[in-house]
């Protein structure tokens, strides 16, 4: 599953959950809004965590590729 689909699915879930929470809320509006705000913060922390993991993974892959290229260049220089 691609990362874009995961992020899109998470955002769609957040929107649907917020709408459902508002429509079916048995509590006062202020309490409901507060709950939605806290849930939104939780979802944003989760998205940020996943994004940070993706960035770390891409950085690691970039560094590995860079090292492989340097090794290949050194090997070519050695053989020439």
PDB file of N, CA and C in Angstrom:
ATOM      1  N   UNK A   1       0.858  -1.170   0.000  1.00  0.00           N
ATOM      2  CA  UNK A   1       0.000   0.000   0.000  1.00  0.00           C
ATOM      3  C   UNK A   1       0.902   1.230   0.000  1.00  0.00           C
ATOM      4  N   UNK A   2       0.621   2.182  -0.836  1.00  0.00           N
ATOM      5  CA  UNK A   2       1.469   3.359  -0.939  1.00  0.00           C
ATOM      6  C   UNK A   2       1.201   4.312   0.225  1.00  0.00           C
ATOM      7  N   UNK A   3       2.191   5.111   0.508  1.00  0.00           N
ATOM      8  CA  UNK A   3       2.115   6.056   1.606  1.00  0.00           C
ATOM      9  C   UNK A   3       1.020   7.092   1.373  1.00  0.00           C
ATOM     10  N   UNK A   4       0.877   7.522   0.126  1.00  0.00           N
ATOM     11  CA  UNK A   4      -0.151   8.500  -0.198  1.00  0.00           C
ATOM     12  C   UNK A   4      -1.545   7.996   0.124  1.00  0.00           C
ATOM     13  N   UNK A   5      -1.770   6.711  -0.148  1.00  0.00           N
ATOM     14  CA  UNK A   5      -3.080   6.133   0.142  1.00  0.00           C
ATOM     15  C   UNK A   5      -3.327   6.061   1.647  1.00  0.00           C
ATOM     16  N   UNK A   6      -2.280   5.760   2.405  1.00  0.00           N
ATOM     17  CA  UNK A   6      -2.429   5.691   3.859  1.00  0.00           C
ATOM     18  C   UNK A   6      -2.772   7.067   4.421  1.00  0.00           C
ATOM     19  N   UNK A   7      -2.064   8.081   3.970  1.00  0.00           N
ATOM     20  CA  UNK A   7      -2.332   9.447   4.449  1.00  0.00           C
ATOM     21  C   UNK A   7      -3.732   9.888   4.040  1.00  0.00           C
ATOM     22  N   UNK A   8      -4.095   9.626   2.795  1.00  0.00           N
ATOM     23  CA  UNK A   8      -5.430   9.995   2.322  1.00  0.00           C
ATOM     24  C   UNK A   8      -6.512   9.262   3.110  1.00  0.00           C
ATOM     25  N   UNK A   9      -6.300   7.987   3.364  1.00  0.00           N
ATOM     26  CA  UNK A   9      -7.261   7.212   4.150  1.00  0.00           C
ATOM     27  C   UNK A   9      -7.392   7.735   5.564  1.00  0.00           C
ATOM     28  N   UNK A  10      -6.264   8.119   6.156  1.00  0.00           N
ATOM     29  CA  UNK A  10      -6.282   8.671   7.510  1.00  0.00           C
ATOM     30  C   UNK A  10      -7.055   9.977   7.546  1.00  0.00           C
ATOM     31  N   UNK A  11      -6.804  10.853   6.579  1.00  0.00           N
ATOM     32  CA  UNK A  11      -7.515  12.132   6.536  1.00  0.00           C
ATOM     33  C   UNK A  11      -9.005  11.936   6.287  1.00  0.00           C
ATOM     34  N   UNK A  12      -9.355  11.008   5.417  1.00  0.00           N
ATOM     35  CA  UNK A  12     -10.767  10.726   5.149  1.00  0.00           C
ATOM     36  C   UNK A  12     -11.441  10.176   6.406  1.00  0.00           C
ATOM     37  N   UNK A  13     -10.744   9.289   7.110  1.00  0.00           N
ATOM     38  CA  UNK A  13     -11.286   8.739   8.357  1.00  0.00           C
ATOM     39  C   UNK A  13     -11.501   9.814   9.405  1.00  0.00           C
ATOM     40  N   UNK A  14     -10.562  10.732   9.466  1.00  0.00           N
ATOM     41  CA  UNK A  14     -10.685  11.851  10.406  1.00  0.00           C
ATOM     42  C   UNK A  14     -11.919  12.688  10.094  1.00  0.00           C
ATOM     43  N   UNK A  15     -12.123  12.987   8.830  1.00  0.00           N
ATOM     44  CA  UNK A  15     -13.269  13.805   8.428  1.00  0.00           C
ATOM     45  C   UNK A  15     -14.590  13.082   8.707  1.00  0.00           C
ATOM     46  N   UNK A  16     -14.666  11.815   8.342  1.00  0.00           N
ATOM     47  CA  UNK A  16     -15.897  11.045   8.564  1.00  0.00           C
ATOM     48  C   UNK A  16     -16.182  10.927  10.059  1.00  0.00           C
ATOM     49  N   UNK A  17     -15.140  10.672  10.841  1.00  0.00           N
ATOM     50  CA  UNK A  17     -15.316  10.555  12.292  1.00  0.00           C
ATOM     51  C   UNK A  17     -15.805  11.854  12.915  1.00  0.00           C
ATOM     52  N   UNK A  18     -15.266  12.962  12.461  1.00  0.00           N
ATOM     53  CA  UNK A  18     -15.690  14.256  12.999  1.00  0.00           C
ATOM     54  C   UNK A  18     -17.144  14.544  12.660  1.00  0.00           C
ATOM     55  N   UNK A  19     -17.520  14.273  11.427  1.00  0.00           N
ATOM     56  CA  UNK A  19     -18.912  14.507  11.010  1.00  0.00           C
ATOM     57  C   UNK A  19     -19.872  13.603  11.779  1.00  0.00           C
ATOM     58  N   UNK A  20     -19.513  12.332  11.900  1.00  0.00           N
ATOM     59  CA  UNK A  20     -20.372  11.396  12.635  1.00  0.00           C
ATOM     60  C   UNK A  20     -20.471  11.811  14.098  1.00  0.00           C
ATOM     61  N   UNK A  21     -19.366  12.265  14.659  1.00  0.00           N
ATOM     62  CA  UNK A  21     -19.380  12.705  16.055  1.00  0.00           C
ATOM     63  C   UNK A  21     -20.308  13.878  16.283  1.00  0.00           C
ATOM     64  N   UNK A  22     -20.314  14.786  15.344  1.00  0.00           N
ATOM     65  CA  UNK A  22     -21.180  15.963  15.470  1.00  0.00           C
ATOM     66  C   UNK A  22     -22.648  15.568  15.317  1.00  0.00           C
ATOM     67  N   UNK A  23     -22.932  14.719  14.343  1.00  0.00           N
ATOM     68  CA  UNK A  23     -24.314  14.350  14.062  1.00  0.00           C
ATOM     69  C   UNK A  23     -24.953  13.506  15.168  1.00  0.00           C
ATOM     70  N   UNK A  24     -24.166  12.625  15.772  1.00  0.00           N
ATOM     71  CA  UNK A  24     -24.729  11.696  16.744  1.00  0.00           C
ATOM     72  C   UNK A  24     -24.338  12.011  18.187  1.00  0.00           C
ATOM     73  N   UNK A  25     -23.855  13.200  18.420  1.00  0.00           N
ATOM     74  CA  UNK A  25     -23.381  13.569  19.757  1.00  0.00           C
ATOM     75  C   UNK A  25     -24.550  13.770  20.720  1.00  0.00           C
ATOM     76  N   UNK A  26     -24.547  13.043  21.844  1.00  0.00           N
ATOM     77  CA  UNK A  26     -25.602  13.222  22.843  1.00  0.00           C
ATOM     78  C   UNK A  26     -25.262  14.337  23.838  1.00  0.00           C
ATOM     79  N   UNK A  27     -24.079  14.929  23.711  1.00  0.00           N
ATOM     80  CA  UNK A  27     -23.639  15.936  24.667  1.00  0.00           C
ATOM     81  C   UNK A  27     -23.810  17.339  24.101  1.00  0.00           C
ATOM     82  N   UNK A  28     -23.526  18.319  24.945  1.00  0.00           N
ATOM     83  CA  UNK A  28     -23.588  19.713  24.519  1.00  0.00           C
ATOM     84  C   UNK A  28     -22.562  19.957  23.421  1.00  0.00           C
ATOM     85  N   UNK A  29     -22.817  20.951  22.620  1.00  0.00           N
ATOM     86  CA  UNK A  29     -21.929  21.274  21.517  1.00  0.00           C
ATOM     87  C   UNK A  29     -20.516  21.615  21.950  1.00  0.00           C
ATOM     88  N   UNK A  30     -20.377  22.331  23.065  1.00  0.00           N
ATOM     89  CA  UNK A  30     -19.036  22.707  23.524  1.00  0.00           C
ATOM     90  C   UNK A  30     -18.216  21.479  23.905  1.00  0.00           C
ATOM     91  N   UNK A  31     -18.854  20.519  24.558  1.00  0.00           N
ATOM     92  CA  UNK A  31     -18.142  19.287  24.922  1.00  0.00           C
ATOM     93  C   UNK A  31     -17.785  18.489  23.669  1.00  0.00           C
ATOM     94  N   UNK A  32     -18.705  18.440  22.746  1.00  0.00           N
ATOM     95  CA  UNK A  32     -18.450  17.705  21.505  1.00  0.00           C
ATOM     96  C   UNK A  32     -17.304  18.341  20.732  1.00  0.00           C
ATOM     97  N   UNK A  33     -17.310  19.659  20.636  1.00  0.00           N
ATOM     98  CA  UNK A  33     -16.222  20.348  19.919  1.00  0.00           C
ATOM     99  C   UNK A  33     -14.878  20.093  20.600  1.00  0.00           C
ATOM    100  N   UNK A  34     -14.872  20.089  21.911  1.00  0.00           N
ATOM    101  CA  UNK A  34     -13.638  19.830  22.658  1.00  0.00           C
ATOM    102  C   UNK A  34     -13.129  18.412  22.366  1.00  0.00           C
ATOM    103  N   UNK A  35     -14.047  17.442  22.367  1.00  0.00           N
ATOM    104  CA  UNK A  35     -13.653  16.060  22.060  1.00  0.00           C
ATOM    105  C   UNK A  35     -13.106  15.941  20.645  1.00  0.00           C
ATOM    106  N   UNK A  36     -13.764  16.595  19.702  1.00  0.00           N
ATOM    107  CA  UNK A  36     -13.312  16.554  18.313  1.00  0.00           C
ATOM    108  C   UNK A  36     -11.927  17.180  18.196  1.00  0.00           C
ATOM    109  N   UNK A  37     -11.718  18.280  18.904  1.00  0.00           N
ATOM    110  CA  UNK A  37     -10.418  18.942  18.858  1.00  0.00           C
ATOM    111  C   UNK A  37      -9.325  18.011  19.390  1.00  0.00           C
ATOM    112  N   UNK A  38      -9.602  17.330  20.493  1.00  0.00           N
ATOM    113  CA  UNK A  38      -8.616  16.418  21.065  1.00  0.00           C
ATOM    114  C   UNK A  38      -8.354  15.231  20.132  1.00  0.00           C
ATOM    115  N   UNK A  39      -9.403  14.710  19.534  1.00  0.00           N
ATOM    116  CA  UNK A  39      -9.228  13.611  18.577  1.00  0.00           C
ATOM    117  C   UNK A  39      -8.415  14.075  17.377  1.00  0.00           C
ATOM    118  N   UNK A  40      -8.692  15.278  16.901  1.00  0.00           N
ATOM    119  CA  UNK A  40      -7.942  15.833  15.780  1.00  0.00           C
ATOM    120  C   UNK A  40      -6.464  15.956  16.120  1.00  0.00           C
ATOM    121  N   UNK A  41      -6.176  16.385  17.344  1.00  0.00           N
ATOM    122  CA  UNK A  41      -4.780  16.480  17.778  1.00  0.00           C
ATOM    123  C   UNK A  41      -4.131  15.108  17.804  1.00  0.00           C
ATOM    124  N   UNK A  42      -4.875  14.104  18.285  1.00  0.00           N
ATOM    125  CA  UNK A  42      -4.344  12.735  18.306  1.00  0.00           C
ATOM    126  C   UNK A  42      -4.049  12.245  16.897  1.00  0.00           C
ATOM    127  N   UNK A  43      -4.970  12.501  15.982  1.00  0.00           N
ATOM    128  CA  UNK A  43      -4.768  12.075  14.593  1.00  0.00           C
ATOM    129  C   UNK A  43      -3.576  12.802  13.972  1.00  0.00           C
ATOM    130  N   UNK A  44      -3.428  14.078  14.259  1.00  0.00           N
ATOM    131  CA  UNK A  44      -2.301  14.829  13.705  1.00  0.00           C
ATOM    132  C   UNK A  44      -0.972  14.305  14.244  1.00  0.00           C
ATOM    133  N   UNK A  45      -0.934  13.942  15.520  1.00  0.00           N
ATOM    134  CA  UNK A  45       0.280  13.361  16.085  1.00  0.00           C
ATOM    135  C   UNK A  45       0.605  12.037  15.388  1.00  0.00           C
ATOM    136  N   UNK A  46      -0.429  11.243  15.128  1.00  0.00           N
ATOM    137  CA  UNK A  46      -0.235   9.961  14.448  1.00  0.00           C
ATOM    138  C   UNK A  46       0.281  10.181  13.031  1.00  0.00           C
ATOM    139  N   UNK A  47      -0.307  11.125  12.319  1.00  0.00           N
ATOM    140  CA  UNK A  47       0.133  11.426  10.953  1.00  0.00           C
ATOM    141  C   UNK A  47       1.563  11.946  10.969  1.00  0.00           C
ATOM    142  N   UNK A  48       1.880  12.811  11.922  1.00  0.00           N
ATOM    143  CA  UNK A  48       3.241  13.352  12.026  1.00  0.00           C
ATOM    144  C   UNK A  48       4.233  12.228  12.289  1.00  0.00           C
ATOM    145  N   UNK A  49       3.871  11.306  13.162  1.00  0.00           N
ATOM    146  CA  UNK A  49       4.744  10.179  13.470  1.00  0.00           C
ATOM    147  C   UNK A  49       5.004   9.326  12.223  1.00  0.00           C
ATOM    148  N   UNK A  50       3.941   9.042  11.464  1.00  0.00           N
ATOM    149  CA  UNK A  50       4.096   8.260  10.236  1.00  0.00           C
ATOM    150  C   UNK A  50       4.933   9.014   9.213  1.00  0.00           C
ATOM    151  N   UNK A  51       4.708  10.313   9.094  1.00  0.00           N
ATOM    152  CA  UNK A  51       5.472  11.130   8.159  1.00  0.00           C
ATOM    153  C   UNK A  51       6.952  11.135   8.537  1.00  0.00           C
ATOM    154  N   UNK A  52       7.233  11.279   9.835  1.00  0.00           N
ATOM    155  CA  UNK A  52       8.620  11.258  10.293  1.00  0.00           C
ATOM    156  C   UNK A  52       9.279   9.909   9.974  1.00  0.00           C
ATOM    157  N   UNK A  53       8.533   8.827  10.132  1.00  0.00           N
ATOM    158  CA  UNK A  53       9.056   7.509   9.797  1.00  0.00           C
ATOM    159  C   UNK A  53       9.375   7.390   8.310  1.00  0.00           C
ATOM    160  N   UNK A  54       8.510   7.942   7.483  1.00  0.00           N
ATOM    161  CA  UNK A  54       8.731   7.907   6.030  1.00  0.00           C
ATOM    162  C   UNK A  54       9.968   8.724   5.675  1.00  0.00           C
ATOM    163  N   UNK A  55      10.093   9.910   6.276  1.00  0.00           N
ATOM    164  CA  UNK A  55      11.255  10.758   6.006  1.00  0.00           C
ATOM    165  C   UNK A  55      12.535  10.048   6.434  1.00  0.00           C
ATOM    166  N   UNK A  56      12.519   9.425   7.610  1.00  0.00           N
ATOM    167  CA  UNK A  56      13.696   8.696   8.081  1.00  0.00           C
ATOM    168  C   UNK A  56      14.062   7.568   7.122  1.00  0.00           C
ATOM    169  N   UNK A  57      13.053   6.843   6.659  1.00  0.00           N
ATOM    170  CA  UNK A  57      13.285   5.744   5.719  1.00  0.00           C
ATOM    171  C   UNK A  57      13.882   6.253   4.416  1.00  0.00           C
ATOM    172  N   UNK A  58      13.330   7.338   3.889  1.00  0.00           N
ATOM    173  CA  UNK A  58      13.852   7.904   2.646  1.00  0.00           C
ATOM    174  C   UNK A  58      15.275   8.425   2.821  1.00  0.00           C
ATOM    175  N   UNK A  59      15.541   9.031   3.961  1.00  0.00           N
ATOM    176  CA  UNK A  59      16.887   9.531   4.241  1.00  0.00           C
ATOM    177  C   UNK A  59      17.884   8.379   4.293  1.00  0.00           C
ATOM    178  N   UNK A  60      17.489   7.305   4.944  1.00  0.00           N
ATOM    179  CA  UNK A  60      18.361   6.129   5.033  1.00  0.00           C
ATOM    180  C   UNK A  60      18.623   5.541   3.647  1.00  0.00           C
ATOM    181  N   UNK A  61      17.583   5.430   2.830  1.00  0.00           N
ATOM    182  CA  UNK A  61      17.748   4.907   1.468  1.00  0.00           C
ATOM    183  C   UNK A  61      18.651   5.817   0.647  1.00  0.00           C
ATOM    184  N   UNK A  62      18.505   7.119   0.802  1.00  0.00           N
ATOM    185  CA  UNK A  62      19.337   8.079   0.073  1.00  0.00           C
ATOM    186  C   UNK A  62      20.799   7.927   0.487  1.00  0.00           C
ATOM    187  N   UNK A  63      21.039   7.828   1.779  1.00  0.00           N
ATOM    188  CA  UNK A  63      22.415   7.685   2.269  1.00  0.00           C
ATOM    189  C   UNK A  63      23.033   6.378   1.776  1.00  0.00           C
ATOM    190  N   UNK A  64      22.259   5.298   1.774  1.00  0.00           N
ATOM    191  CA  UNK A  64      22.770   4.016   1.271  1.00  0.00           C
ATOM    192  C   UNK A  64      23.108   4.111  -0.216  1.00  0.00           C
ATOM    193  N   UNK A  65      22.245   4.752  -0.976  1.00  0.00           N
ATOM    194  CA  UNK A  65      22.490   4.915  -2.412  1.00  0.00           C
ATOM    195  C   UNK A  65      23.730   5.765  -2.652  1.00  0.00           C
ATOM    196  N   UNK A  66      23.866   6.820  -1.875  1.00  0.00           N
ATOM    197  CA  UNK A  66      25.013   7.708  -2.002  1.00  0.00           C
ATOM    198  C   UNK A  66      26.312   6.942  -1.722  1.00  0.00           C
ATOM    199  N   UNK A  67      26.298   6.105  -0.690  1.00  0.00           N
ATOM    200  CA  UNK A  67      27.475   5.303  -0.345  1.00  0.00           C
ATOM    201  C   UNK A  67      27.793   4.312  -1.460  1.00  0.00           C
ATOM    202  N   UNK A  68      26.778   3.666  -2.012  1.00  0.00           N
ATOM    203  CA  UNK A  68      26.990   2.716  -3.101  1.00  0.00           C
ATOM    204  C   UNK A  68      27.588   3.406  -4.322  1.00  0.00           C
ATOM    205  N   UNK A  69      27.119   4.598  -4.626  1.00  0.00           N
ATOM    206  CA  UNK A  69      27.654   5.349  -5.776  1.00  0.00           C
ATOM    207  C   UNK A  69      29.111   5.713  -5.525  1.00  0.00           C
ATOM    208  N   UNK A  70      29.418   6.185  -4.317  1.00  0.00           N
ATOM    209  CA  UNK A  70      30.806   6.522  -3.995  1.00  0.00           C
ATOM    210  C   UNK A  70      31.702   5.292  -4.111  1.00  0.00           C
ATOM    211  N   UNK A  71      31.218   4.157  -3.629  1.00  0.00           N
ATOM    212  CA  UNK A  71      31.992   2.917  -3.720  1.00  0.00           C
ATOM    213  C   UNK A  71      32.206   2.519  -5.178  1.00  0.00           C
ATOM    214  N   UNK A  72      31.173   2.665  -5.989  1.00  0.00           N
ATOM    215  CA  UNK A  72      31.279   2.326  -7.414  1.00  0.00           C
ATOM    216  C   UNK A  72      32.262   3.253  -8.121  1.00  0.00           C
ATOM    217  N   UNK A  73      32.232   4.534  -7.810  1.00  0.00           N
ATOM    218  CA  UNK A  73      33.147   5.498  -8.418  1.00  0.00           C
ATOM    219  C   UNK A  73      34.590   5.170  -8.007  1.00  0.00           C
ATOM    220  N   UNK A  74      34.780   4.849  -6.746  1.00  0.00           N
ATOM    221  CA  UNK A  74      36.123   4.484  -6.267  1.00  0.00           C
ATOM    222  C   UNK A  74      36.620   3.223  -6.972  1.00  0.00           C
ATOM    223  N   UNK A  75      35.737   2.276  -7.177  1.00  0.00           N
ATOM    224  CA  UNK A  75      36.099   1.022  -7.862  1.00  0.00           C
ATOM    225  C   UNK A  75      36.472   1.287  -9.318  1.00  0.00           C
ATOM    226  N   UNK A  76      35.724   2.162  -9.981  1.00  0.00           N
ATOM    227  CA  UNK A  76      36.031   2.504 -11.379  1.00  0.00           C
ATOM    228  C   UNK A  76      37.370   3.235 -11.456  1.00  0.00           C
ATOM    229  N   UNK A  77      37.616   4.162 -10.550  1.00  0.00           N
ATOM    230  CA  UNK A  77      38.884   4.886 -10.528  1.00  0.00           C
ATOM    231  C   UNK A  77      40.055   3.925 -10.298  1.00  0.00           C
ATOM    232  N   UNK A  78      39.821   2.960  -9.438  1.00  0.00           N
ATOM    233  CA  UNK A  78      40.859   1.981  -9.130  1.00  0.00           C
ATOM    234  C   UNK A  78      41.206   1.142 -10.355  1.00  0.00           C
ATOM    235  N   UNK A  79      40.181   0.764 -11.108  1.00  0.00           N
ATOM    236  CA  UNK A  79      40.423  -0.087 -12.279  1.00  0.00           C
ATOM    237  C   UNK A  79      41.002   0.693 -13.451  1.00  0.00           C
ATOM    238  N   UNK A  80      40.803   2.003 -13.479  1.00  0.00           N
ATOM    239  CA  UNK A  80      41.322   2.830 -14.571  1.00  0.00           C
ATOM    240  C   UNK A  80      42.731   3.162 -14.247  1.00  0.00           C
TER     241      UNK A  80
END
